[in-house]
PDB file of all heavy atoms in Angstrom:
ATOM      1  N   TRP A   1       3.596   2.071 -24.096  1.00  0.00           N
ATOM      2  CA  TRP A   1       2.748   2.652 -23.052  1.00  0.00           C
ATOM      3  C   TRP A   1       3.540   3.748 -22.351  1.00  0.00           C
ATOM      4  O   TRP A   1       4.769   3.724 -22.280  1.00  0.00           O
ATOM      5  CB  TRP A   1       2.348   1.599 -22.024  1.00  0.00           C
ATOM      6  CG  TRP A   1       1.353   0.578 -22.540  1.00  0.00           C
ATOM      7  CD1 TRP A   1       1.527  -0.296 -23.551  1.00  0.00           C
ATOM      8  CD2 TRP A   1       0.048   0.364 -22.045  1.00  0.00           C
ATOM      9  NE1 TRP A   1       0.428  -1.078 -23.746  1.00  0.00           N
ATOM     10  CE2 TRP A   1      -0.530  -0.691 -22.813  1.00  0.00           C
ATOM     11  CE3 TRP A   1      -0.732   0.939 -21.039  1.00  0.00           C
ATOM     12  CZ2 TRP A   1      -1.810  -1.162 -22.605  1.00  0.00           C
ATOM     13  CZ3 TRP A   1      -2.019   0.449 -20.822  1.00  0.00           C
ATOM     14  CH2 TRP A   1      -2.555  -0.580 -21.599  1.00  0.00           C
ATOM     15  N   SER A   2       2.748   4.696 -21.857  1.00  0.00           N
ATOM     16  CA  SER A   2       3.388   5.697 -20.985  1.00  0.00           C
ATOM     17  C   SER A   2       3.557   5.094 -19.616  1.00  0.00           C
ATOM     18  O   SER A   2       2.705   4.351 -19.140  1.00  0.00           O
ATOM     19  CB  SER A   2       2.520   6.964 -20.907  1.00  0.00           C
ATOM     20  OG  SER A   2       1.260   6.655 -20.327  1.00  0.00           O
ATOM     21  N   SER A   3       4.695   5.410 -19.003  1.00  0.00           N
ATOM     22  CA  SER A   3       4.966   4.848 -17.692  1.00  0.00           C
ATOM     23  C   SER A   3       4.365   5.717 -16.606  1.00  0.00           C
ATOM     24  O   SER A   3       4.360   6.952 -16.718  1.00  0.00           O
ATOM     25  CB  SER A   3       6.476   4.714 -17.486  1.00  0.00           C
ATOM     26  OG  SER A   3       6.758   4.217 -16.214  1.00  0.00           O
ATOM     27  N   ASP A   4       3.854   5.103 -15.560  1.00  0.00           N
ATOM     28  CA  ASP A   4       3.258   5.850 -14.443  1.00  0.00           C
ATOM     29  C   ASP A   4       4.208   5.906 -13.252  1.00  0.00           C
ATOM     30  O   ASP A   4       3.805   6.168 -12.139  1.00  0.00           O
ATOM     31  CB  ASP A   4       1.936   5.209 -14.031  1.00  0.00           C
ATOM     32  CG  ASP A   4       2.092   3.740 -13.695  1.00  0.00           C
ATOM     33  OD1 ASP A   4       3.233   3.205 -13.792  1.00  0.00           O
ATOM     34  OD2 ASP A   4       1.086   3.102 -13.344  1.00  0.00           O
ATOM     35  N   ALA A   5       5.469   5.637 -13.551  1.00  0.00           N
ATOM     36  CA  ALA A   5       6.428   5.625 -12.423  1.00  0.00           C
ATOM     37  C   ALA A   5       6.633   7.009 -11.839  1.00  0.00           C
ATOM     38  O   ALA A   5       6.740   7.186 -10.620  1.00  0.00           O
ATOM     39  CB  ALA A   5       7.769   5.054 -12.899  1.00  0.00           C
ATOM     40  N   HIS A   6       6.690   8.048 -12.718  1.00  0.00           N
ATOM     41  CA  HIS A   6       6.921   9.410 -12.231  1.00  0.00           C
ATOM     42  C   HIS A   6       5.787  10.331 -12.680  1.00  0.00           C
ATOM     43  O   HIS A   6       6.016  11.516 -12.946  1.00  0.00           O
ATOM     44  CB  HIS A   6       8.272   9.924 -12.757  1.00  0.00           C
ATOM     45  CG  HIS A   6       9.441   9.071 -12.347  1.00  0.00           C
ATOM     46  ND1 HIS A   6       9.956   9.084 -11.072  1.00  0.00           N
ATOM     47  CD2 HIS A   6      10.182   8.179 -13.048  1.00  0.00           C
ATOM     48  CE1 HIS A   6      10.969   8.234 -11.008  1.00  0.00           C
ATOM     49  NE2 HIS A   6      11.122   7.666 -12.206  1.00  0.00           N
ATOM     50  N   SER A   7       4.632   9.777 -12.820  1.00  0.00           N
ATOM     51  CA  SER A   7       3.498  10.597 -13.271  1.00  0.00           C
ATOM     52  C   SER A   7       2.282  10.289 -12.415  1.00  0.00           C
ATOM     53  O   SER A   7       2.081   9.151 -11.979  1.00  0.00           O
ATOM     54  CB  SER A   7       3.189  10.326 -14.748  1.00  0.00           C
ATOM     55  OG  SER A   7       2.028  11.027 -15.135  1.00  0.00           O
ATOM     56  N   SER A   8       1.487  11.362 -12.213  1.00  0.00           N
ATOM     57  CA  SER A   8       0.241  11.177 -11.437  1.00  0.00           C
ATOM     58  C   SER A   8      -0.873  10.611 -12.289  1.00  0.00           C
ATOM     59  O   SER A   8      -1.890  10.142 -11.769  1.00  0.00           O
ATOM     60  CB  SER A   8      -0.193  12.529 -10.850  1.00  0.00           C
ATOM     61  OG  SER A   8      -0.406  13.481 -11.900  1.00  0.00           O
ATOM     62  N   GLN A   9      -0.674  10.582 -13.631  1.00  0.00           N
ATOM     63  CA  GLN A   9      -1.698  10.068 -14.527  1.00  0.00           C
ATOM     64  C   GLN A   9      -1.488   8.558 -14.726  1.00  0.00           C
ATOM     65  O   GLN A   9      -0.355   8.075 -14.687  1.00  0.00           O
ATOM     66  CB  GLN A   9      -1.617  10.777 -15.882  1.00  0.00           C
ATOM     67  CG  GLN A   9      -1.907  12.266 -15.800  1.00  0.00           C
ATOM     68  CD  GLN A   9      -1.848  12.929 -17.164  1.00  0.00           C
ATOM     69  OE1 GLN A   9      -1.594  12.272 -18.167  1.00  0.00           O
ATOM     70  NE2 GLN A   9      -2.091  14.229 -17.179  1.00  0.00           N
ATOM     71  N   PRO A  10      -2.580   7.808 -14.947  1.00  0.00           N
ATOM     72  CA  PRO A  10      -2.450   6.375 -15.174  1.00  0.00           C
ATOM     73  C   PRO A  10      -1.738   6.095 -16.488  1.00  0.00           C
ATOM     74  O   PRO A  10      -1.730   6.898 -17.408  1.00  0.00           O
ATOM     75  CB  PRO A  10      -3.904   5.892 -15.197  1.00  0.00           C
ATOM     76  CG  PRO A  10      -4.706   7.080 -15.601  1.00  0.00           C
ATOM     77  CD  PRO A  10      -4.002   8.263 -15.002  1.00  0.00           C
ATOM     78  N   SER A  11      -1.178   4.921 -16.583  1.00  0.00           N
ATOM     79  CA  SER A  11      -0.459   4.513 -17.791  1.00  0.00           C
ATOM     80  C   SER A  11      -1.448   4.353 -18.940  1.00  0.00           C
ATOM     81  O   SER A  11      -2.572   3.873 -18.771  1.00  0.00           O
ATOM     82  CB  SER A  11       0.267   3.191 -17.530  1.00  0.00           C
ATOM     83  OG  SER A  11       0.944   2.775 -18.674  1.00  0.00           O
ATOM     84  N   ARG A  12      -0.999   4.822 -20.159  1.00  0.00           N
ATOM     85  CA  ARG A  12      -1.859   4.759 -21.338  1.00  0.00           C
ATOM     86  C   ARG A  12      -1.095   4.101 -22.483  1.00  0.00           C
ATOM     87  O   ARG A  12       0.120   4.228 -22.610  1.00  0.00           O
ATOM     88  CB  ARG A  12      -2.271   6.170 -21.762  1.00  0.00           C
ATOM     89  CG  ARG A  12      -3.120   6.895 -20.746  1.00  0.00           C
ATOM     90  CD  ARG A  12      -3.366   8.356 -21.166  1.00  0.00           C
ATOM     91  NE  ARG A  12      -2.132   9.134 -21.176  1.00  0.00           N
ATOM     92  CZ  ARG A  12      -1.540   9.583 -22.262  1.00  0.00           C
ATOM     93  NH1 ARG A  12      -2.062   9.311 -23.443  1.00  0.00           N
ATOM     94  NH2 ARG A  12      -0.436  10.314 -22.176  1.00  0.00           N
ATOM     95  N   ARG A  13      -1.867   3.374 -23.335  1.00  0.00           N
ATOM     96  CA  ARG A  13      -1.257   2.774 -24.521  1.00  0.00           C
ATOM     97  C   ARG A  13      -1.136   3.851 -25.590  1.00  0.00           C
ATOM     98  O   ARG A  13      -2.125   4.401 -26.061  1.00  0.00           O
ATOM     99  CB  ARG A  13      -2.088   1.599 -25.028  1.00  0.00           C
ATOM    100  CG  ARG A  13      -1.414   0.864 -26.184  1.00  0.00           C
ATOM    101  CD  ARG A  13      -2.091  -0.432 -26.534  1.00  0.00           C
ATOM    102  NE  ARG A  13      -3.404  -0.226 -27.129  1.00  0.00           N
ATOM    103  CZ  ARG A  13      -4.173  -1.197 -27.655  1.00  0.00           C
ATOM    104  NH1 ARG A  13      -3.717  -2.452 -27.610  1.00  0.00           N
ATOM    105  NH2 ARG A  13      -5.355  -0.927 -28.154  1.00  0.00           N
ATOM    106  N   LEU A  14       0.073   4.137 -26.036  1.00  0.00           N
ATOM    107  CA  LEU A  14       0.319   5.190 -26.999  1.00  0.00           C
ATOM    108  C   LEU A  14       0.440   4.656 -28.433  1.00  0.00           C
ATOM    109  O   LEU A  14       0.096   5.350 -29.395  1.00  0.00           O
ATOM    110  CB  LEU A  14       1.610   5.936 -26.641  1.00  0.00           C
ATOM    111  CG  LEU A  14       1.676   6.525 -25.215  1.00  0.00           C
ATOM    112  CD1 LEU A  14       3.028   7.168 -24.970  1.00  0.00           C
ATOM    113  CD2 LEU A  14       0.546   7.535 -25.019  1.00  0.00           C
ATOM    114  N   PHE A  15       0.927   3.376 -28.556  1.00  0.00           N
ATOM    115  CA  PHE A  15       1.151   2.856 -29.916  1.00  0.00           C
ATOM    116  C   PHE A  15       1.105   1.326 -29.869  1.00  0.00           C
ATOM    117  O   PHE A  15       1.547   0.702 -28.899  1.00  0.00           O
ATOM    118  CB  PHE A  15       2.509   3.318 -30.451  1.00  0.00           C
ATOM    119  CG  PHE A  15       2.944   2.599 -31.700  1.00  0.00           C
ATOM    120  CD1 PHE A  15       2.439   2.960 -32.954  1.00  0.00           C
ATOM    121  CD2 PHE A  15       3.839   1.529 -31.633  1.00  0.00           C
ATOM    122  CE1 PHE A  15       2.833   2.284 -34.094  1.00  0.00           C
ATOM    123  CE2 PHE A  15       4.235   0.859 -32.774  1.00  0.00           C
ATOM    124  CZ  PHE A  15       3.727   1.240 -34.005  1.00  0.00           C
ATOM    125  N   TYR A  16       0.551   0.748 -30.948  1.00  0.00           N
ATOM    126  CA  TYR A  16       0.685  -0.700 -31.156  1.00  0.00           C
ATOM    127  C   TYR A  16       0.710  -0.952 -32.654  1.00  0.00           C
ATOM    128  O   TYR A  16       0.179  -0.156 -33.440  1.00  0.00           O
ATOM    129  CB  TYR A  16      -0.423  -1.488 -30.467  1.00  0.00           C
ATOM    130  CG  TYR A  16      -1.812  -1.275 -31.031  1.00  0.00           C
ATOM    131  CD1 TYR A  16      -2.363  -2.198 -31.938  1.00  0.00           C
ATOM    132  CD2 TYR A  16      -2.585  -0.172 -30.649  1.00  0.00           C
ATOM    133  CE1 TYR A  16      -3.637  -2.004 -32.445  1.00  0.00           C
ATOM    134  CE2 TYR A  16      -3.847   0.012 -31.156  1.00  0.00           C
ATOM    135  CZ  TYR A  16      -4.388  -0.897 -32.044  1.00  0.00           C
ATOM    136  OH  TYR A  16      -5.649  -0.713 -32.556  1.00  0.00           O
ATOM    137  N   ASN A  17       1.323  -2.031 -33.098  1.00  0.00           N
ATOM    138  CA  ASN A  17       1.549  -2.262 -34.526  1.00  0.00           C
ATOM    139  C   ASN A  17       0.273  -2.779 -35.207  1.00  0.00           C
ATOM    140  O   ASN A  17       0.202  -3.917 -35.663  1.00  0.00           O
ATOM    141  CB  ASN A  17       2.706  -3.241 -34.738  1.00  0.00           C
ATOM    142  CG  ASN A  17       2.478  -4.565 -34.010  1.00  0.00           C
ATOM    143  OD1 ASN A  17       1.720  -4.619 -33.049  1.00  0.00           O
ATOM    144  ND2 ASN A  17       3.141  -5.609 -34.472  1.00  0.00           N
ATOM    145  N   GLN A  18      -0.714  -1.925 -35.299  1.00  0.00           N
ATOM    146  CA  GLN A  18      -2.007  -2.313 -35.835  1.00  0.00           C
ATOM    147  C   GLN A  18      -1.950  -2.645 -37.324  1.00  0.00           C
ATOM    148  O   GLN A  18      -2.780  -3.371 -37.848  1.00  0.00           O
ATOM    149  CB  GLN A  18      -3.016  -1.204 -35.602  1.00  0.00           C
ATOM    150  CG  GLN A  18      -2.543   0.153 -36.135  1.00  0.00           C
ATOM    151  CD  GLN A  18      -3.408   1.299 -35.659  1.00  0.00           C
ATOM    152  OE1 GLN A  18      -4.271   1.091 -34.826  1.00  0.00           O
ATOM    153  NE2 GLN A  18      -3.177   2.489 -36.201  1.00  0.00           N
ATOM    154  N   LYS A  19      -0.971  -2.058 -38.061  1.00  0.00           N
ATOM    155  CA  LYS A  19      -0.904  -2.328 -39.503  1.00  0.00           C
ATOM    156  C   LYS A  19      -0.369  -3.728 -39.808  1.00  0.00           C
ATOM    157  O   LYS A  19      -0.547  -4.224 -40.908  1.00  0.00           O
ATOM    158  CB  LYS A  19      -0.014  -1.283 -40.177  1.00  0.00           C
ATOM    159  CG  LYS A  19      -0.604   0.119 -40.142  1.00  0.00           C
ATOM    160  CD  LYS A  19       0.305   1.089 -40.878  1.00  0.00           C
ATOM    161  CE  LYS A  19      -0.302   2.507 -40.867  1.00  0.00           C
ATOM    162  NZ  LYS A  19       0.556   3.471 -41.575  1.00  0.00           N
ATOM    163  N   LYS A  20       0.282  -4.293 -38.850  1.00  0.00           N
ATOM    164  CA  LYS A  20       0.879  -5.605 -39.068  1.00  0.00           C
ATOM    165  C   LYS A  20      -0.059  -6.744 -38.718  1.00  0.00           C
ATOM    166  O   LYS A  20       0.207  -7.892 -39.049  1.00  0.00           O
ATOM    167  CB  LYS A  20       2.172  -5.749 -38.237  1.00  0.00           C
ATOM    168  CG  LYS A  20       3.296  -4.841 -38.707  1.00  0.00           C
ATOM    169  CD  LYS A  20       3.826  -5.302 -40.048  1.00  0.00           C
ATOM    170  CE  LYS A  20       5.010  -4.437 -40.476  1.00  0.00           C
ATOM    171  NZ  LYS A  20       5.556  -4.889 -41.770  1.00  0.00           N
ATOM    172  N   ILE A  21      -1.118  -6.478 -37.989  1.00  0.00           N
ATOM    173  CA  ILE A  21      -2.041  -7.526 -37.562  1.00  0.00           C
ATOM    174  C   ILE A  21      -3.430  -7.206 -38.069  1.00  0.00           C
ATOM    175  O   ILE A  21      -3.767  -6.062 -38.363  1.00  0.00           O
ATOM    176  CB  ILE A  21      -2.055  -7.655 -36.021  1.00  0.00           C
ATOM    177  CG1 ILE A  21      -2.435  -6.327 -35.373  1.00  0.00           C
ATOM    178  CG2 ILE A  21      -0.685  -8.115 -35.510  1.00  0.00           C
ATOM    179  CD1 ILE A  21      -2.562  -6.397 -33.887  1.00  0.00           C
ATOM    180  N   LYS A  22      -4.261  -8.221 -38.218  1.00  0.00           N
ATOM    181  CA  LYS A  22      -5.600  -8.067 -38.763  1.00  0.00           C
ATOM    182  C   LYS A  22      -6.664  -8.488 -37.760  1.00  0.00           C
ATOM    183  O   LYS A  22      -7.736  -8.954 -38.123  1.00  0.00           O
ATOM    184  CB  LYS A  22      -5.735  -8.904 -40.033  1.00  0.00           C
ATOM    185  CG  LYS A  22      -4.765  -8.500 -41.137  1.00  0.00           C
ATOM    186  CD  LYS A  22      -4.928  -9.371 -42.351  1.00  0.00           C
ATOM    187  CE  LYS A  22      -3.953  -8.965 -43.458  1.00  0.00           C
ATOM    188  NZ  LYS A  22      -4.096  -9.815 -44.656  1.00  0.00           N
ATOM    189  N   PHE A  23      -6.373  -8.360 -36.497  1.00  0.00           N
ATOM    190  CA  PHE A  23      -7.372  -8.687 -35.478  1.00  0.00           C
ATOM    191  C   PHE A  23      -7.188  -7.731 -34.316  1.00  0.00           C
ATOM    192  O   PHE A  23      -6.122  -7.141 -34.122  1.00  0.00           O
ATOM    193  CB  PHE A  23      -7.230 -10.145 -35.005  1.00  0.00           C
ATOM    194  CG  PHE A  23      -5.880 -10.465 -34.434  1.00  0.00           C
ATOM    195  CD1 PHE A  23      -5.600 -10.255 -33.091  1.00  0.00           C
ATOM    196  CD2 PHE A  23      -4.861 -10.973 -35.242  1.00  0.00           C
ATOM    197  CE1 PHE A  23      -4.361 -10.543 -32.571  1.00  0.00           C
ATOM    198  CE2 PHE A  23      -3.622 -11.260 -34.722  1.00  0.00           C
ATOM    199  CZ  PHE A  23      -3.374 -11.052 -33.386  1.00  0.00           C
ATOM    200  N   SER A  24      -8.226  -7.557 -33.578  1.00  0.00           N
ATOM    201  CA  SER A  24      -8.187  -6.692 -32.392  1.00  0.00           C
ATOM    202  C   SER A  24      -7.981  -7.554 -31.161  1.00  0.00           C
ATOM    203  O   SER A  24      -8.423  -8.707 -31.107  1.00  0.00           O
ATOM    204  CB  SER A  24      -9.490  -5.893 -32.270  1.00  0.00           C
ATOM    205  OG  SER A  24     -10.591  -6.772 -32.143  1.00  0.00           O
ATOM    206  N   TYR A  25      -7.336  -6.972 -30.151  1.00  0.00           N
ATOM    207  CA  TYR A  25      -7.086  -7.711 -28.921  1.00  0.00           C
ATOM    208  C   TYR A  25      -7.023  -6.710 -27.785  1.00  0.00           C
ATOM    209  O   TYR A  25      -6.739  -5.520 -27.994  1.00  0.00           O
ATOM    210  CB  TYR A  25      -5.774  -8.490 -29.031  1.00  0.00           C
ATOM    211  CG  TYR A  25      -4.562  -7.624 -29.227  1.00  0.00           C
ATOM    212  CD1 TYR A  25      -3.812  -7.170 -28.122  1.00  0.00           C
ATOM    213  CD2 TYR A  25      -4.154  -7.231 -30.496  1.00  0.00           C
ATOM    214  CE1 TYR A  25      -2.710  -6.364 -28.300  1.00  0.00           C
ATOM    215  CE2 TYR A  25      -3.048  -6.436 -30.675  1.00  0.00           C
ATOM    216  CZ  TYR A  25      -2.325  -6.017 -29.581  1.00  0.00           C
ATOM    217  OH  TYR A  25      -1.238  -5.224 -29.760  1.00  0.00           O
ATOM    218  N   PRO A  26      -7.294  -7.124 -26.620  1.00  0.00           N
ATOM    219  CA  PRO A  26      -7.229  -6.200 -25.471  1.00  0.00           C
ATOM    220  C   PRO A  26      -5.804  -5.773 -25.224  1.00  0.00           C
ATOM    221  O   PRO A  26      -4.854  -6.443 -25.639  1.00  0.00           O
ATOM    222  CB  PRO A  26      -7.783  -7.038 -24.320  1.00  0.00           C
ATOM    223  CG  PRO A  26      -7.552  -8.451 -24.713  1.00  0.00           C
ATOM    224  CD  PRO A  26      -7.708  -8.481 -26.201  1.00  0.00           C
ATOM    225  N   PRO A  27      -5.590  -4.675 -24.555  1.00  0.00           N
ATOM    226  CA  PRO A  27      -4.232  -4.196 -24.266  1.00  0.00           C
ATOM    227  C   PRO A  27      -3.427  -5.242 -23.502  1.00  0.00           C
ATOM    228  O   PRO A  27      -3.968  -6.007 -22.691  1.00  0.00           O
ATOM    229  CB  PRO A  27      -4.459  -2.943 -23.427  1.00  0.00           C
ATOM    230  CG  PRO A  27      -5.831  -2.487 -23.791  1.00  0.00           C
ATOM    231  CD  PRO A  27      -6.630  -3.730 -24.057  1.00  0.00           C
ATOM    232  N   LEU A  28      -2.136  -5.250 -23.784  1.00  0.00           N
ATOM    233  CA  LEU A  28      -1.243  -6.188 -23.107  1.00  0.00           C
ATOM    234  C   LEU A  28      -0.917  -5.646 -21.718  1.00  0.00           C
ATOM    235  O   LEU A  28      -0.419  -4.535 -21.574  1.00  0.00           O
ATOM    236  CB  LEU A  28       0.048  -6.361 -23.911  1.00  0.00           C
ATOM    237  CG  LEU A  28      -0.136  -6.881 -25.352  1.00  0.00           C
ATOM    238  CD1 LEU A  28       1.207  -6.897 -26.081  1.00  0.00           C
ATOM    239  CD2 LEU A  28      -0.756  -8.267 -25.356  1.00  0.00           C
ATOM    240  N   ILE A  29      -1.235  -6.416 -20.713  1.00  0.00           N
ATOM    241  CA  ILE A  29      -0.996  -5.959 -19.325  1.00  0.00           C
ATOM    242  C   ILE A  29       0.292  -6.638 -18.814  1.00  0.00           C
ATOM    243  O   ILE A  29       1.372  -6.080 -18.901  1.00  0.00           O
ATOM    244  CB  ILE A  29      -2.209  -6.274 -18.429  1.00  0.00           C
ATOM    245  CG1 ILE A  29      -3.482  -5.656 -19.032  1.00  0.00           C
ATOM    246  CG2 ILE A  29      -1.960  -5.722 -17.020  1.00  0.00           C
ATOM    247  CD1 ILE A  29      -3.429  -4.152 -19.227  1.00  0.00           C
ATOM    248  N   GLY A  30       0.193  -7.824 -18.309  1.00  0.00           N
ATOM    249  CA  GLY A  30       1.373  -8.570 -17.869  1.00  0.00           C
ATOM    250  C   GLY A  30       2.070  -7.958 -16.678  1.00  0.00           C
ATOM    251  O   GLY A  30       1.783  -6.840 -16.248  1.00  0.00           O
ATOM    252  N   ASP A  31       2.998  -8.711 -16.122  1.00  0.00           N
ATOM    253  CA  ASP A  31       3.788  -8.243 -14.981  1.00  0.00           C
ATOM    254  C   ASP A  31       5.045  -7.554 -15.472  1.00  0.00           C
ATOM    255  O   ASP A  31       5.686  -8.004 -16.429  1.00  0.00           O
ATOM    256  CB  ASP A  31       4.170  -9.422 -14.077  1.00  0.00           C
ATOM    257  CG  ASP A  31       2.942 -10.076 -13.455  1.00  0.00           C
ATOM    258  OD1 ASP A  31       1.961  -9.358 -13.220  1.00  0.00           O
ATOM    259  OD2 ASP A  31       2.969 -11.312 -13.229  1.00  0.00           O
ATOM    260  N   PRO A  32       5.397  -6.424 -14.846  1.00  0.00           N
ATOM    261  CA  PRO A  32       6.594  -5.696 -15.285  1.00  0.00           C
ATOM    262  C   PRO A  32       7.868  -6.511 -15.082  1.00  0.00           C
ATOM    263  O   PRO A  32       8.022  -7.216 -14.084  1.00  0.00           O
ATOM    264  CB  PRO A  32       6.585  -4.435 -14.419  1.00  0.00           C
ATOM    265  CG  PRO A  32       5.776  -4.782 -13.214  1.00  0.00           C
ATOM    266  CD  PRO A  32       4.746  -5.770 -13.672  1.00  0.00           C
ATOM    267  N   ASN A  33       8.759  -6.405 -16.069  1.00  0.00           N
ATOM    268  CA  ASN A  33      10.083  -7.033 -16.019  1.00  0.00           C
ATOM    269  C   ASN A  33      10.011  -8.559 -15.861  1.00  0.00           C
ATOM    270  O   ASN A  33      10.923  -9.182 -15.313  1.00  0.00           O
ATOM    271  CB  ASN A  33      10.938  -6.429 -14.899  1.00  0.00           C
ATOM    272  CG  ASN A  33      11.101  -4.935 -15.073  1.00  0.00           C
ATOM    273  OD1 ASN A  33      11.250  -4.445 -16.194  1.00  0.00           O
ATOM    274  ND2 ASN A  33      11.054  -4.209 -13.966  1.00  0.00           N
ATOM    275  N   LYS A  34       8.916  -9.139 -16.334  1.00  0.00           N
ATOM    276  CA  LYS A  34       8.747 -10.589 -16.282  1.00  0.00           C
ATOM    277  C   LYS A  34       8.192 -11.093 -17.608  1.00  0.00           C
ATOM    278  O   LYS A  34       7.662 -10.326 -18.402  1.00  0.00           O
ATOM    279  CB  LYS A  34       7.820 -11.006 -15.139  1.00  0.00           C
ATOM    280  CG  LYS A  34       8.392 -10.806 -13.748  1.00  0.00           C
ATOM    281  CD  LYS A  34       7.435 -11.328 -12.700  1.00  0.00           C
ATOM    282  CE  LYS A  34       8.007 -11.157 -11.284  1.00  0.00           C
ATOM    283  NZ  LYS A  34       7.066 -11.664 -10.255  1.00  0.00           N
ATOM    284  N   VAL A  35       8.285 -12.388 -17.799  1.00  0.00           N
ATOM    285  CA  VAL A  35       7.707 -13.030 -18.982  1.00  0.00           C
ATOM    286  C   VAL A  35       6.442 -13.752 -18.548  1.00  0.00           C
ATOM    287  O   VAL A  35       6.494 -14.639 -17.691  1.00  0.00           O
ATOM    288  CB  VAL A  35       8.692 -14.017 -19.624  1.00  0.00           C
ATOM    289  CG1 VAL A  35       8.051 -14.688 -20.840  1.00  0.00           C
ATOM    290  CG2 VAL A  35       9.978 -13.313 -20.032  1.00  0.00           C
ATOM    291  N   THR A  36       5.312 -13.327 -19.109  1.00  0.00           N
ATOM    292  CA  THR A  36       4.029 -13.932 -18.756  1.00  0.00           C
ATOM    293  C   THR A  36       3.349 -14.435 -20.022  1.00  0.00           C
ATOM    294  O   THR A  36       3.663 -14.019 -21.144  1.00  0.00           O
ATOM    295  CB  THR A  36       3.121 -12.933 -18.030  1.00  0.00           C
ATOM    296  OG1 THR A  36       2.965 -11.776 -18.864  1.00  0.00           O
ATOM    297  CG2 THR A  36       3.716 -12.518 -16.704  1.00  0.00           C
ATOM    298  N   GLU A  37       2.390 -15.326 -19.835  1.00  0.00           N
ATOM    299  CA  GLU A  37       1.654 -15.894 -20.961  1.00  0.00           C
ATOM    300  C   GLU A  37       0.316 -15.192 -21.103  1.00  0.00           C
ATOM    301  O   GLU A  37      -0.426 -15.060 -20.125  1.00  0.00           O
ATOM    302  CB  GLU A  37       1.438 -17.396 -20.754  1.00  0.00           C
ATOM    303  CG  GLU A  37       0.769 -18.084 -21.935  1.00  0.00           C
ATOM    304  CD  GLU A  37       0.599 -19.571 -21.699  1.00  0.00           C
ATOM    305  OE1 GLU A  37       1.619 -20.303 -21.686  1.00  0.00           O
ATOM    306  OE2 GLU A  37      -0.563 -20.015 -21.516  1.00  0.00           O
ATOM    307  N   VAL A  38       0.015 -14.729 -22.332  1.00  0.00           N
ATOM    308  CA  VAL A  38      -1.263 -14.073 -22.607  1.00  0.00           C
ATOM    309  C   VAL A  38      -1.879 -14.735 -23.828  1.00  0.00           C
ATOM    310  O   VAL A  38      -1.205 -15.447 -24.584  1.00  0.00           O
ATOM    311  CB  VAL A  38      -1.068 -12.563 -22.863  1.00  0.00           C
ATOM    312  CG1 VAL A  38      -0.530 -11.855 -21.635  1.00  0.00           C
ATOM    313  CG2 VAL A  38      -0.151 -12.324 -24.060  1.00  0.00           C
ATOM    314  N   ILE A  39      -3.177 -14.506 -24.009  1.00  0.00           N
ATOM    315  CA  ILE A  39      -3.910 -15.069 -25.137  1.00  0.00           C
ATOM    316  C   ILE A  39      -4.519 -13.927 -25.926  1.00  0.00           C
ATOM    317  O   ILE A  39      -5.170 -13.035 -25.367  1.00  0.00           O
ATOM    318  CB  ILE A  39      -4.999 -16.039 -24.659  1.00  0.00           C
ATOM    319  CG1 ILE A  39      -4.367 -17.230 -23.907  1.00  0.00           C
ATOM    320  CG2 ILE A  39      -5.816 -16.545 -25.845  1.00  0.00           C
ATOM    321  CD1 ILE A  39      -5.373 -18.197 -23.338  1.00  0.00           C
ATOM    322  N   ALA A  40      -4.303 -13.929 -27.229  1.00  0.00           N
ATOM    323  CA  ALA A  40      -4.879 -12.922 -28.122  1.00  0.00           C
ATOM    324  C   ALA A  40      -5.348 -13.620 -29.383  1.00  0.00           C
ATOM    325  O   ALA A  40      -4.562 -14.330 -30.024  1.00  0.00           O
ATOM    326  CB  ALA A  40      -3.864 -11.836 -28.451  1.00  0.00           C
ATOM    327  N   ASN A  41      -6.604 -13.413 -29.716  1.00  0.00           N
ATOM    328  CA  ASN A  41      -7.198 -14.023 -30.911  1.00  0.00           C
ATOM    329  C   ASN A  41      -7.083 -15.559 -30.885  1.00  0.00           C
ATOM    330  O   ASN A  41      -6.894 -16.203 -31.907  1.00  0.00           O
ATOM    331  CB  ASN A  41      -6.520 -13.478 -32.167  1.00  0.00           C
ATOM    332  CG  ASN A  41      -7.343 -13.764 -33.421  1.00  0.00           C
ATOM    333  OD1 ASN A  41      -8.588 -13.781 -33.374  1.00  0.00           O
ATOM    334  ND2 ASN A  41      -6.676 -13.986 -34.528  1.00  0.00           N
ATOM    335  N   GLY A  42      -7.168 -16.140 -29.670  1.00  0.00           N
ATOM    336  CA  GLY A  42      -7.104 -17.586 -29.522  1.00  0.00           C
ATOM    337  C   GLY A  42      -5.713 -18.170 -29.570  1.00  0.00           C
ATOM    338  O   GLY A  42      -5.547 -19.385 -29.472  1.00  0.00           O
ATOM    339  N   ASN A  43      -4.680 -17.341 -29.736  1.00  0.00           N
ATOM    340  CA  ASN A  43      -3.302 -17.811 -29.791  1.00  0.00           C
ATOM    341  C   ASN A  43      -2.574 -17.462 -28.500  1.00  0.00           C
ATOM    342  O   ASN A  43      -2.859 -16.450 -27.859  1.00  0.00           O
ATOM    343  CB  ASN A  43      -2.565 -17.187 -30.975  1.00  0.00           C
ATOM    344  CG  ASN A  43      -3.164 -17.602 -32.309  1.00  0.00           C
ATOM    345  OD1 ASN A  43      -3.561 -18.744 -32.480  1.00  0.00           O
ATOM    346  ND2 ASN A  43      -3.271 -16.656 -33.240  1.00  0.00           N
ATOM    347  N   LYS A  44      -1.616 -18.274 -28.138  1.00  0.00           N
ATOM    348  CA  LYS A  44      -0.827 -18.050 -26.936  1.00  0.00           C
ATOM    349  C   LYS A  44       0.423 -17.253 -27.282  1.00  0.00           C
ATOM    350  O   LYS A  44       1.075 -17.512 -28.285  1.00  0.00           O
ATOM    351  CB  LYS A  44      -0.438 -19.369 -26.290  1.00  0.00           C
ATOM    352  CG  LYS A  44      -1.627 -20.145 -25.706  1.00  0.00           C
ATOM    353  CD  LYS A  44      -1.157 -21.431 -25.017  1.00  0.00           C
ATOM    354  CE  LYS A  44      -2.333 -22.162 -24.401  1.00  0.00           C
ATOM    355  NZ  LYS A  44      -1.908 -23.411 -23.718  1.00  0.00           N
ATOM    356  N   TYR A  45       0.724 -16.294 -26.407  1.00  0.00           N
ATOM    357  CA  TYR A  45       1.904 -15.439 -26.592  1.00  0.00           C
ATOM    358  C   TYR A  45       2.713 -15.416 -25.301  1.00  0.00           C
ATOM    359  O   TYR A  45       2.169 -15.555 -24.187  1.00  0.00           O
ATOM    360  CB  TYR A  45       1.489 -14.007 -26.930  1.00  0.00           C
ATOM    361  CG  TYR A  45       0.921 -13.824 -28.324  1.00  0.00           C
ATOM    362  CD1 TYR A  45      -0.398 -14.154 -28.605  1.00  0.00           C
ATOM    363  CD2 TYR A  45       1.700 -13.293 -29.343  1.00  0.00           C
ATOM    364  CE1 TYR A  45      -0.921 -13.982 -29.871  1.00  0.00           C
ATOM    365  CE2 TYR A  45       1.183 -13.107 -30.628  1.00  0.00           C
ATOM    366  CZ  TYR A  45      -0.124 -13.458 -30.883  1.00  0.00           C
ATOM    367  OH  TYR A  45      -0.639 -13.288 -32.137  1.00  0.00           O
TER     368      TYR A  45
END
């Protein structure tokens, strides 16, 4: 993602490893500099 720390534009997802996975999932948000639990395709990450 592009960082919005020094930019007036909102953060955008620039790349994700789509060739390695066969399902779609919403963008990963989470808390910065922390480990959080998210769910994608019914699996916990």
